[in-house]
PDB file of N, CA and C in Angstrom:
ATOM      1  N   MET A   1      47.685  77.239-121.067  1.00  0.00           N
ATOM      2  CA  MET A   1      48.677  78.106-120.477  1.00  0.00           C
ATOM      3  C   MET A   1      48.167  79.579-120.566  1.00  0.00           C
ATOM      4  N   ARG A   2      47.566  79.965-121.648  1.00  0.00           N
ATOM      5  CA  ARG A   2      47.113  81.327-121.785  1.00  0.00           C
ATOM      6  C   ARG A   2      46.066  81.662-120.702  1.00  0.00           C
ATOM      7  N   ASP A   3      45.131  80.805-120.479  1.00  0.00           N
ATOM      8  CA  ASP A   3      44.027  81.106-119.572  1.00  0.00           C
ATOM      9  C   ASP A   3      44.460  81.047-118.130  1.00  0.00           C
ATOM     10  N   ASP A   4      45.580  80.443-117.850  1.00  0.00           N
ATOM     11  CA  ASP A   4      46.059  80.332-116.446  1.00  0.00           C
ATOM     12  C   ASP A   4      47.414  80.971-116.315  1.00  0.00           C
ATOM     13  N   PHE A   5      47.725  81.910-117.191  1.00  0.00           N
ATOM     14  CA  PHE A   5      49.027  82.511-117.247  1.00  0.00           C
ATOM     15  C   PHE A   5      49.469  83.149-115.938  1.00  0.00           C
ATOM     16  N   ALA A   6      48.519  83.773-115.241  1.00  0.00           N
ATOM     17  CA  ALA A   6      48.834  84.429-113.962  1.00  0.00           C
ATOM     18  C   ALA A   6      49.453  83.436-112.947  1.00  0.00           C
ATOM     19  N   ALA A   7      48.924  82.207-112.967  1.00  0.00           N
ATOM     20  CA  ALA A   7      49.427  81.223-112.049  1.00  0.00           C
ATOM     21  C   ALA A   7      50.917  80.881-112.338  1.00  0.00           C
ATOM     22  N   TYR A   8      51.280  80.808-113.627  1.00  0.00           N
ATOM     23  CA  TYR A   8      52.654  80.520-114.002  1.00  0.00           C
ATOM     24  C   TYR A   8      53.555  81.734-113.650  1.00  0.00           C
ATOM     25  N   LYS A   9      53.049  82.936-113.837  1.00  0.00           N
ATOM     26  CA  LYS A   9      53.791  84.098-113.487  1.00  0.00           C
ATOM     27  C   LYS A   9      54.059  84.152-111.979  1.00  0.00           C
ATOM     28  N   ALA A  10      53.024  83.810-111.197  1.00  0.00           N
ATOM     29  CA  ALA A  10      53.169  83.746-109.755  1.00  0.00           C
ATOM     30  C   ALA A  10      54.251  82.737-109.294  1.00  0.00           C
ATOM     31  N   LEU A  11      54.472  81.680-110.145  1.00  0.00           N
ATOM     32  CA  LEU A  11      55.457  80.666-109.804  1.00  0.00           C
ATOM     33  C   LEU A  11      56.816  81.020-110.397  1.00  0.00           C
ATOM     34  N   ASP A  12      56.939  82.290-110.852  1.00  0.00           N
ATOM     35  CA  ASP A  12      58.211  82.818-111.398  1.00  0.00           C
ATOM     36  C   ASP A  12      58.654  82.016-112.648  1.00  0.00           C
ATOM     37  N   ALA A  13      57.662  81.571-113.424  1.00  0.00           N
ATOM     38  CA  ALA A  13      57.976  80.762-114.646  1.00  0.00           C
ATOM     39  C   ALA A  13      57.932  81.710-115.880  1.00  0.00           C
ATOM     40  N   GLN A  14      58.903  81.498-116.759  1.00  0.00           N
ATOM     41  CA  GLN A  14      58.913  82.156-118.086  1.00  0.00           C
ATOM     42  C   GLN A  14      58.322  81.162-119.082  1.00  0.00           C
ATOM     43  N   VAL A  15      57.085  81.434-119.489  1.00  0.00           N
ATOM     44  CA  VAL A  15      56.416  80.567-120.456  1.00  0.00           C
ATOM     45  C   VAL A  15      56.723  80.988-121.837  1.00  0.00           C
ATOM     46  N   VAL A  16      57.078  79.994-122.690  1.00  0.00           N
ATOM     47  CA  VAL A  16      57.234  80.193-124.103  1.00  0.00           C
ATOM     48  C   VAL A  16      56.632  79.029-124.860  1.00  0.00           C
ATOM     49  N   GLY A  17      56.092  79.330-125.990  1.00  0.00           N
ATOM     50  CA  GLY A  17      55.640  78.272-126.860  1.00  0.00           C
ATOM     51  C   GLY A  17      56.620  78.139-128.009  1.00  0.00           C
ATOM     52  N   ILE A  18      56.813  76.948-128.474  1.00  0.00           N
ATOM     53  CA  ILE A  18      57.742  76.732-129.635  1.00  0.00           C
ATOM     54  C   ILE A  18      57.167  75.700-130.555  1.00  0.00           C
ATOM     55  N   SER A  19      57.263  75.904-131.839  1.00  0.00           N
ATOM     56  CA  SER A  19      56.815  74.938-132.800  1.00  0.00           C
ATOM     57  C   SER A  19      57.664  75.088-134.087  1.00  0.00           C
ATOM     58  N   VAL A  20      57.440  74.176-134.993  1.00  0.00           N
ATOM     59  CA  VAL A  20      58.208  74.209-136.232  1.00  0.00           C
ATOM     60  C   VAL A  20      57.551  75.110-137.269  1.00  0.00           C
ATOM     61  N   ASP A  21      56.507  75.828-136.883  1.00  0.00           N
ATOM     62  CA  ASP A  21      55.869  76.795-137.776  1.00  0.00           C
ATOM     63  C   ASP A  21      56.734  78.001-137.956  1.00  0.00           C
ATOM     64  N   SER A  22      56.438  78.755-138.992  1.00  0.00           N
ATOM     65  CA  SER A  22      57.279  79.982-139.273  1.00  0.00           C
ATOM     66  C   SER A  22      56.979  81.087-138.311  1.00  0.00           C
ATOM     67  N   VAL A  23      57.832  82.087-138.233  1.00  0.00           N
ATOM     68  CA  VAL A  23      57.626  83.253-137.412  1.00  0.00           C
ATOM     69  C   VAL A  23      56.389  84.024-137.875  1.00  0.00           C
ATOM     70  N   PHE A  24      56.088  83.950-139.172  1.00  0.00           N
ATOM     71  CA  PHE A  24      54.912  84.638-139.693  1.00  0.00           C
ATOM     72  C   PHE A  24      53.629  84.012-139.197  1.00  0.00           C
ATOM     73  N   CYS A  25      53.638  82.706-139.169  1.00  0.00           N
ATOM     74  CA  CYS A  25      52.511  81.965-138.604  1.00  0.00           C
ATOM     75  C   CYS A  25      52.322  82.280-137.108  1.00  0.00           C
ATOM     76  N   HIS A  26      53.456  82.303-136.383  1.00  0.00           N
ATOM     77  CA  HIS A  26      53.412  82.555-134.966  1.00  0.00           C
ATOM     78  C   HIS A  26      52.823  83.947-134.659  1.00  0.00           C
ATOM     79  N   GLU A  27      53.267  84.921-135.492  1.00  0.00           N
ATOM     80  CA  GLU A  27      52.795  86.303-135.241  1.00  0.00           C
ATOM     81  C   GLU A  27      51.274  86.354-135.407  1.00  0.00           C
ATOM     82  N   ALA A  28      50.759  85.751-136.392  1.00  0.00           N
ATOM     83  CA  ALA A  28      49.318  85.752-136.642  1.00  0.00           C
ATOM     84  C   ALA A  28      48.566  84.957-135.575  1.00  0.00           C
ATOM     85  N   TRP A  29      49.119  83.834-135.178  1.00  0.00           N
ATOM     86  CA  TRP A  29      48.487  82.932-134.200  1.00  0.00           C
ATOM     87  C   TRP A  29      48.479  83.612-132.826  1.00  0.00           C
ATOM     88  N   ALA A  30      49.585  84.245-132.438  1.00  0.00           N
ATOM     89  CA  ALA A  30      49.672  84.908-131.117  1.00  0.00           C
ATOM     90  C   ALA A  30      48.682  86.104-131.059  1.00  0.00           C
ATOM     91  N   LYS A  31      48.619  86.799-132.110  1.00  0.00           N
ATOM     92  CA  LYS A  31      47.660  87.945-132.179  1.00  0.00           C
ATOM     93  C   LYS A  31      46.198  87.415-132.107  1.00  0.00           C
ATOM     94  N   HIS A  32      45.891  86.448-132.880  1.00  0.00           N
ATOM     95  CA  HIS A  32      44.534  85.872-132.927  1.00  0.00           C
ATOM     96  C   HIS A  32      44.126  85.350-131.556  1.00  0.00           C
ATOM     97  N   LEU A  33      45.005  84.683-130.829  1.00  0.00           N
ATOM     98  CA  LEU A  33      44.670  84.087-129.554  1.00  0.00           C
ATOM     99  C   LEU A  33      44.921  85.004-128.403  1.00  0.00           C
ATOM    100  N   GLY A  34      45.574  86.160-128.620  1.00  0.00           N
ATOM    101  CA  GLY A  34      45.895  87.050-127.535  1.00  0.00           C
ATOM    102  C   GLY A  34      46.876  86.401-126.505  1.00  0.00           C
ATOM    103  N   LEU A  35      47.873  85.799-127.028  1.00  0.00           N
ATOM    104  CA  LEU A  35      48.828  85.111-126.128  1.00  0.00           C
ATOM    105  C   LEU A  35      49.671  86.071-125.350  1.00  0.00           C
ATOM    106  N   PRO A  36      49.790  85.873-124.027  1.00  0.00           N
ATOM    107  CA  PRO A  36      50.634  86.771-123.213  1.00  0.00           C
ATOM    108  C   PRO A  36      52.076  86.280-123.084  1.00  0.00           C
ATOM    109  N   PHE A  37      52.457  85.290-123.875  1.00  0.00           N
ATOM    110  CA  PHE A  37      53.829  84.784-123.830  1.00  0.00           C
ATOM    111  C   PHE A  37      54.340  84.625-125.246  1.00  0.00           C
ATOM    112  N   PRO A  38      55.627  84.631-125.478  1.00  0.00           N
ATOM    113  CA  PRO A  38      56.190  84.559-126.800  1.00  0.00           C
ATOM    114  C   PRO A  38      56.075  83.166-127.416  1.00  0.00           C
ATOM    115  N   LEU A  39      55.964  83.162-128.745  1.00  0.00           N
ATOM    116  CA  LEU A  39      56.008  81.955-129.511  1.00  0.00           C
ATOM    117  C   LEU A  39      57.336  81.950-130.282  1.00  0.00           C
ATOM    118  N   LEU A  40      58.132  80.918-130.149  1.00  0.00           N
ATOM    119  CA  LEU A  40      59.394  80.770-130.841  1.00  0.00           C
ATOM    120  C   LEU A  40      59.302  79.802-131.988  1.00  0.00           C
ATOM    121  N   SER A  41      59.992  80.145-133.036  1.00  0.00           N
ATOM    122  CA  SER A  41      59.953  79.284-134.225  1.00  0.00           C
ATOM    123  C   SER A  41      61.149  78.374-134.307  1.00  0.00           C
ATOM    124  N   ASP A  42      60.876  77.094-134.397  1.00  0.00           N
ATOM    125  CA  ASP A  42      61.956  76.105-134.657  1.00  0.00           C
ATOM    126  C   ASP A  42      61.793  75.595-136.072  1.00  0.00           C
ATOM    127  N   PHE A  43      61.750  76.523-136.971  1.00  0.00           N
ATOM    128  CA  PHE A  43      61.466  76.215-138.384  1.00  0.00           C
ATOM    129  C   PHE A  43      62.458  75.222-138.957  1.00  0.00           C
ATOM    130  N   ASN A  44      63.702  75.225-138.504  1.00  0.00           N
ATOM    131  CA  ASN A  44      64.716  74.312-139.008  1.00  0.00           C
ATOM    132  C   ASN A  44      64.654  72.955-138.229  1.00  0.00           C
ATOM    133  N   LYS A  45      63.827  72.892-137.210  1.00  0.00           N
ATOM    134  CA  LYS A  45      63.579  71.681-136.431  1.00  0.00           C
ATOM    135  C   LYS A  45      64.726  71.207-135.588  1.00  0.00           C
ATOM    136  N   ASP A  46      65.638  72.114-135.265  1.00  0.00           N
ATOM    137  CA  ASP A  46      66.807  71.774-134.445  1.00  0.00           C
ATOM    138  C   ASP A  46      66.417  71.450-132.995  1.00  0.00           C
ATOM    139  N   VAL A  47      65.515  72.244-132.410  1.00  0.00           N
ATOM    140  CA  VAL A  47      65.124  72.044-131.022  1.00  0.00           C
ATOM    141  C   VAL A  47      64.280  70.789-130.900  1.00  0.00           C
ATOM    142  N   ALA A  48      63.339  70.582-131.833  1.00  0.00           N
ATOM    143  CA  ALA A  48      62.510  69.404-131.799  1.00  0.00           C
ATOM    144  C   ALA A  48      63.369  68.137-131.866  1.00  0.00           C
ATOM    145  N   GLU A  49      64.354  68.216-132.744  1.00  0.00           N
ATOM    146  CA  GLU A  49      65.269  67.079-132.838  1.00  0.00           C
ATOM    147  C   GLU A  49      66.038  66.790-131.550  1.00  0.00           C
ATOM    148  N   LYS A  50      66.578  67.852-130.937  1.00  0.00           N
ATOM    149  CA  LYS A  50      67.332  67.698-129.707  1.00  0.00           C
ATOM    150  C   LYS A  50      66.512  67.222-128.564  1.00  0.00           C
ATOM    151  N   TYR A  51      65.224  67.588-128.519  1.00  0.00           N
ATOM    152  CA  TYR A  51      64.374  67.135-127.419  1.00  0.00           C
ATOM    153  C   TYR A  51      63.663  65.797-127.730  1.00  0.00           C
ATOM    154  N   GLY A  52      63.947  65.275-128.904  1.00  0.00           N
ATOM    155  CA  GLY A  52      63.382  63.995-129.267  1.00  0.00           C
ATOM    156  C   GLY A  52      61.905  63.972-129.541  1.00  0.00           C
ATOM    157  N   VAL A  53      61.351  65.133-129.983  1.00  0.00           N
ATOM    158  CA  VAL A  53      59.905  65.205-130.281  1.00  0.00           C
ATOM    159  C   VAL A  53      59.600  65.429-131.749  1.00  0.00           C
ATOM    160  N   LEU A  54      60.644  65.311-132.576  1.00  0.00           N
ATOM    161  CA  LEU A  54      60.415  65.500-134.028  1.00  0.00           C
ATOM    162  C   LEU A  54      59.847  64.176-134.592  1.00  0.00           C
ATOM    163  N   LEU A  55      58.678  64.287-135.182  1.00  0.00           N
ATOM    164  CA  LEU A  55      58.063  63.107-135.849  1.00  0.00           C
ATOM    165  C   LEU A  55      58.442  63.161-137.313  1.00  0.00           C
ATOM    166  N   ARG A  56      59.095  62.156-137.787  1.00  0.00           N
ATOM    167  CA  ARG A  56      59.507  62.118-139.159  1.00  0.00           C
ATOM    168  C   ARG A  56      58.373  62.204-140.127  1.00  0.00           C
ATOM    169  N   GLU A  57      57.263  61.511-139.775  1.00  0.00           N
ATOM    170  CA  GLU A  57      56.080  61.524-140.645  1.00  0.00           C
ATOM    171  C   GLU A  57      54.850  61.170-139.737  1.00  0.00           C
ATOM    172  N   ILE A  58      53.809  61.914-139.932  1.00  0.00           N
ATOM    173  CA  ILE A  58      52.523  61.623-139.288  1.00  0.00           C
ATOM    174  C   ILE A  58      51.403  62.080-140.226  1.00  0.00           C
ATOM    175  N   LEU A  59      50.524  61.225-140.527  1.00  0.00           N
ATOM    176  CA  LEU A  59      49.407  61.507-141.441  1.00  0.00           C
ATOM    177  C   LEU A  59      49.865  62.107-142.758  1.00  0.00           C
ATOM    178  N   GLY A  60      50.965  61.613-143.219  1.00  0.00           N
ATOM    179  CA  GLY A  60      51.521  62.074-144.501  1.00  0.00           C
ATOM    180  C   GLY A  60      52.279  63.393-144.418  1.00  0.00           C
ATOM    181  N   LEU A  61      52.377  63.997-143.254  1.00  0.00           N
ATOM    182  CA  LEU A  61      53.123  65.215-143.044  1.00  0.00           C
ATOM    183  C   LEU A  61      54.487  64.863-142.529  1.00  0.00           C
ATOM    184  N   LYS A  62      55.526  65.490-143.086  1.00  0.00           N
ATOM    185  CA  LYS A  62      56.909  65.238-142.714  1.00  0.00           C
ATOM    186  C   LYS A  62      57.464  66.327-141.829  1.00  0.00           C
ATOM    187  N   GLY A  63      58.230  65.958-140.818  1.00  0.00           N
ATOM    188  CA  GLY A  63      58.925  66.995-139.995  1.00  0.00           C
ATOM    189  C   GLY A  63      58.030  67.791-139.070  1.00  0.00           C
ATOM    190  N   VAL A  64      57.059  67.138-138.441  1.00  0.00           N
ATOM    191  CA  VAL A  64      56.181  67.811-137.497  1.00  0.00           C
ATOM    192  C   VAL A  64      56.649  67.510-136.093  1.00  0.00           C
ATOM    193  N   ALA A  65      56.573  68.502-135.220  1.00  0.00           N
ATOM    194  CA  ALA A  65      56.933  68.227-133.794  1.00  0.00           C
ATOM    195  C   ALA A  65      55.742  67.736-133.038  1.00  0.00           C
ATOM    196  N   ASN A  66      55.973  66.748-132.216  1.00  0.00           N
ATOM    197  CA  ASN A  66      54.940  66.213-131.312  1.00  0.00           C
ATOM    198  C   ASN A  66      54.679  67.275-130.195  1.00  0.00           C
ATOM    199  N   ARG A  67      53.490  67.236-129.634  1.00  0.00           N
ATOM    200  CA  ARG A  67      53.168  68.108-128.499  1.00  0.00           C
ATOM    201  C   ARG A  67      54.010  67.634-127.314  1.00  0.00           C
ATOM    202  N   ALA A  68      54.635  68.605-126.626  1.00  0.00           N
ATOM    203  CA  ALA A  68      55.483  68.313-125.476  1.00  0.00           C
ATOM    204  C   ALA A  68      55.433  69.511-124.519  1.00  0.00           C
ATOM    205  N   ALA A  69      55.770  69.222-123.272  1.00  0.00           N
ATOM    206  CA  ALA A  69      55.899  70.243-122.247  1.00  0.00           C
ATOM    207  C   ALA A  69      57.259  69.970-121.555  1.00  0.00           C
ATOM    208  N   VAL A  70      58.056  71.021-121.428  1.00  0.00           N
ATOM    209  CA  VAL A  70      59.366  70.889-120.816  1.00  0.00           C
ATOM    210  C   VAL A  70      59.519  72.030-119.766  1.00  0.00           C
ATOM    211  N   VAL A  71      60.013  71.674-118.601  1.00  0.00           N
ATOM    212  CA  VAL A  71      60.367  72.626-117.574  1.00  0.00           C
ATOM    213  C   VAL A  71      61.889  72.670-117.477  1.00  0.00           C
ATOM    214  N   VAL A  72      62.443  73.790-117.666  1.00  0.00           N
ATOM    215  CA  VAL A  72      63.891  74.021-117.555  1.00  0.00           C
ATOM    216  C   VAL A  72      64.137  74.991-116.421  1.00  0.00           C
ATOM    217  N   ASP A  73      65.015  74.636-115.471  1.00  0.00           N
ATOM    218  CA  ASP A  73      65.243  75.579-114.350  1.00  0.00           C
ATOM    219  C   ASP A  73      66.190  76.715-114.788  1.00  0.00           C
ATOM    220  N   LYS A  74      66.416  77.644-113.894  1.00  0.00           N
ATOM    221  CA  LYS A  74      67.209  78.884-114.229  1.00  0.00           C
ATOM    222  C   LYS A  74      68.623  78.608-114.552  1.00  0.00           C
ATOM    223  N   GLN A  75      69.129  77.368-114.168  1.00  0.00           N
ATOM    224  CA  GLN A  75      70.489  76.990-114.486  1.00  0.00           C
ATOM    225  C   GLN A  75      70.565  76.245-115.854  1.00  0.00           C
ATOM    226  N   GLY A  76      69.410  76.012-116.454  1.00  0.00           N
ATOM    227  CA  GLY A  76      69.371  75.348-117.709  1.00  0.00           C
ATOM    228  C   GLY A  76      69.239  73.845-117.674  1.00  0.00           C
ATOM    229  N   THR A  77      68.914  73.324-116.504  1.00  0.00           N
ATOM    230  CA  THR A  77      68.731  71.875-116.303  1.00  0.00           C
ATOM    231  C   THR A  77      67.293  71.529-116.571  1.00  0.00           C
ATOM    232  N   VAL A  78      67.050  70.529-117.394  1.00  0.00           N
ATOM    233  CA  VAL A  78      65.700  70.055-117.694  1.00  0.00           C
ATOM    234  C   VAL A  78      65.206  69.330-116.420  1.00  0.00           C
ATOM    235  N   ARG A  79      64.073  69.749-115.901  1.00  0.00           N
ATOM    236  CA  ARG A  79      63.520  69.188-114.695  1.00  0.00           C
ATOM    237  C   ARG A  79      62.291  68.373-114.913  1.00  0.00           C
ATOM    238  N   TYR A  80      61.626  68.537-116.095  1.00  0.00           N
ATOM    239  CA  TYR A  80      60.439  67.753-116.385  1.00  0.00           C
ATOM    240  C   TYR A  80      60.202  67.750-117.858  1.00  0.00           C
ATOM    241  N   VAL A  81      59.813  66.598-118.398  1.00  0.00           N
ATOM    242  CA  VAL A  81      59.485  66.433-119.766  1.00  0.00           C
ATOM    243  C   VAL A  81      58.260  65.587-119.897  1.00  0.00           C
ATOM    244  N   TRP A  82      57.312  66.055-120.662  1.00  0.00           N
ATOM    245  CA  TRP A  82      56.107  65.287-121.007  1.00  0.00           C
ATOM    246  C   TRP A  82      55.963  65.324-122.477  1.00  0.00           C
ATOM    247  N   THR A  83      55.687  64.177-123.079  1.00  0.00           N
ATOM    248  CA  THR A  83      55.447  64.083-124.513  1.00  0.00           C
ATOM    249  C   THR A  83      54.142  63.401-124.766  1.00  0.00           C
ATOM    250  N   ALA A  84      53.346  63.904-125.673  1.00  0.00           N
ATOM    251  CA  ALA A  84      52.041  63.399-125.965  1.00  0.00           C
ATOM    252  C   ALA A  84      52.067  62.032-126.653  1.00  0.00           C
ATOM    253  N   ALA A  85      51.089  61.256-126.338  1.00  0.00           N
ATOM    254  CA  ALA A  85      50.934  59.959-126.993  1.00  0.00           C
ATOM    255  C   ALA A  85      50.346  60.208-128.385  1.00  0.00           C
ATOM    256  N   SER A  86      49.580  61.272-128.541  1.00  0.00           N
ATOM    257  CA  SER A  86      49.022  61.694-129.802  1.00  0.00           C
ATOM    258  C   SER A  86      48.996  63.205-129.845  1.00  0.00           C
ATOM    259  N   PRO A  87      49.094  63.801-131.001  1.00  0.00           N
ATOM    260  CA  PRO A  87      49.189  65.280-131.068  1.00  0.00           C
ATOM    261  C   PRO A  87      47.985  66.015-130.464  1.00  0.00           C
ATOM    262  N   ALA A  88      46.857  65.395-130.291  1.00  0.00           N
ATOM    263  CA  ALA A  88      45.687  66.079-129.736  1.00  0.00           C
ATOM    264  C   ALA A  88      45.705  66.088-128.182  1.00  0.00           C
ATOM    265  N   GLU A  89      46.550  65.251-127.577  1.00  0.00           N
ATOM    266  CA  GLU A  89      46.607  65.185-126.120  1.00  0.00           C
ATOM    267  C   GLU A  89      47.257  66.453-125.471  1.00  0.00           C
ATOM    268  N   GLN A  90      46.702  66.839-124.360  1.00  0.00           N
ATOM    269  CA  GLN A  90      47.192  67.981-123.599  1.00  0.00           C
ATOM    270  C   GLN A  90      47.997  67.506-122.367  1.00  0.00           C
ATOM    271  N   PRO A  91      48.975  68.210-121.918  1.00  0.00           N
ATOM    272  CA  PRO A  91      49.690  67.789-120.722  1.00  0.00           C
ATOM    273  C   PRO A  91      48.846  67.978-119.473  1.00  0.00           C
ATOM    274  N   ASP A  92      49.240  67.377-118.394  1.00  0.00           N
ATOM    275  CA  ASP A  92      48.619  67.592-117.089  1.00  0.00           C
ATOM    276  C   ASP A  92      49.263  68.862-116.520  1.00  0.00           C
ATOM    277  N   PHE A  93      48.547  69.949-116.607  1.00  0.00           N
ATOM    278  CA  PHE A  93      49.142  71.243-116.218  1.00  0.00           C
ATOM    279  C   PHE A  93      49.395  71.284-114.703  1.00  0.00           C
ATOM    280  N   SER A  94      48.655  70.538-113.935  1.00  0.00           N
ATOM    281  CA  SER A  94      48.913  70.512-112.459  1.00  0.00           C
ATOM    282  C   SER A  94      50.249  69.901-112.158  1.00  0.00           C
ATOM    283  N   LYS A  95      50.709  68.900-112.969  1.00  0.00           N
ATOM    284  CA  LYS A  95      52.003  68.323-112.740  1.00  0.00           C
ATOM    285  C   LYS A  95      53.139  69.351-113.050  1.00  0.00           C
ATOM    286  N   ILE A  96      52.902  70.135-114.110  1.00  0.00           N
ATOM    287  CA  ILE A  96      53.872  71.185-114.485  1.00  0.00           C
ATOM    288  C   ILE A  96      53.990  72.180-113.315  1.00  0.00           C
ATOM    289  N   LYS A  97      52.834  72.607-112.784  1.00  0.00           N
ATOM    290  CA  LYS A  97      52.826  73.550-111.668  1.00  0.00           C
ATOM    291  C   LYS A  97      53.508  72.967-110.455  1.00  0.00           C
ATOM    292  N   ASP A  98      53.351  71.701-110.189  1.00  0.00           N
ATOM    293  CA  ASP A  98      53.991  71.044-109.078  1.00  0.00           C
ATOM    294  C   ASP A  98      55.509  71.094-109.193  1.00  0.00           C
ATOM    295  N   VAL A  99      55.976  70.840-110.401  1.00  0.00           N
ATOM    296  CA  VAL A  99      57.416  70.869-110.675  1.00  0.00           C
ATOM    297  C   VAL A  99      57.944  72.313-110.423  1.00  0.00           C
ATOM    298  N   LEU A 100      57.155  73.302-110.905  1.00  0.00           N
ATOM    299  CA  LEU A 100      57.597  74.676-110.751  1.00  0.00           C
ATOM    300  C   LEU A 100      57.563  75.079-109.280  1.00  0.00           C
ATOM    301  N   LYS A 101      56.605  74.622-108.537  1.00  0.00           N
ATOM    302  CA  LYS A 101      56.590  74.927-107.056  1.00  0.00           C
ATOM    303  C   LYS A 101      57.803  74.325-106.397  1.00  0.00           C
ATOM    304  N   GLY A 102      58.239  73.183-106.837  1.00  0.00           N
ATOM    305  CA  GLY A 102      59.402  72.536-106.270  1.00  0.00           C
ATOM    306  C   GLY A 102      60.714  73.319-106.556  1.00  0.00           C
ATOM    307  N   LEU A 103      60.716  74.134-107.592  1.00  0.00           N
ATOM    308  CA  LEU A 103      61.898  74.923-107.949  1.00  0.00           C
ATOM    309  C   LEU A 103      61.940  76.235-107.188  1.00  0.00           C
ATOM    310  N   ALA A 104      60.848  76.630-106.597  1.00  0.00           N
ATOM    311  CA  ALA A 104      60.761  77.947-105.896  1.00  0.00           C
ATOM    312  C   ALA A 104      61.594  77.920-104.625  1.00  0.00           C
TER     313      ALA A 104
END
């Protein structure tokens, strides 16, 4: 998303990253990577739970969020959800862009 941020901006998309990491971790990570979009902390895991991506346990770690991509339209309706089969998997960014093009 970072490397193709201009394409998302051209599609009138507001990109945000969210994870169960702390705001302190996000601040350091965003600075290190030079992210042009905000990172939101779901430290209490409420959002991960609601979107069904909270992994109770993986590799001995408890309460980790699975990798997911969600497109929400301006009215708050979820238009697309992708969830990884494994945490290392990346979404098909072209599909995300297609959904965003359909919202324009």
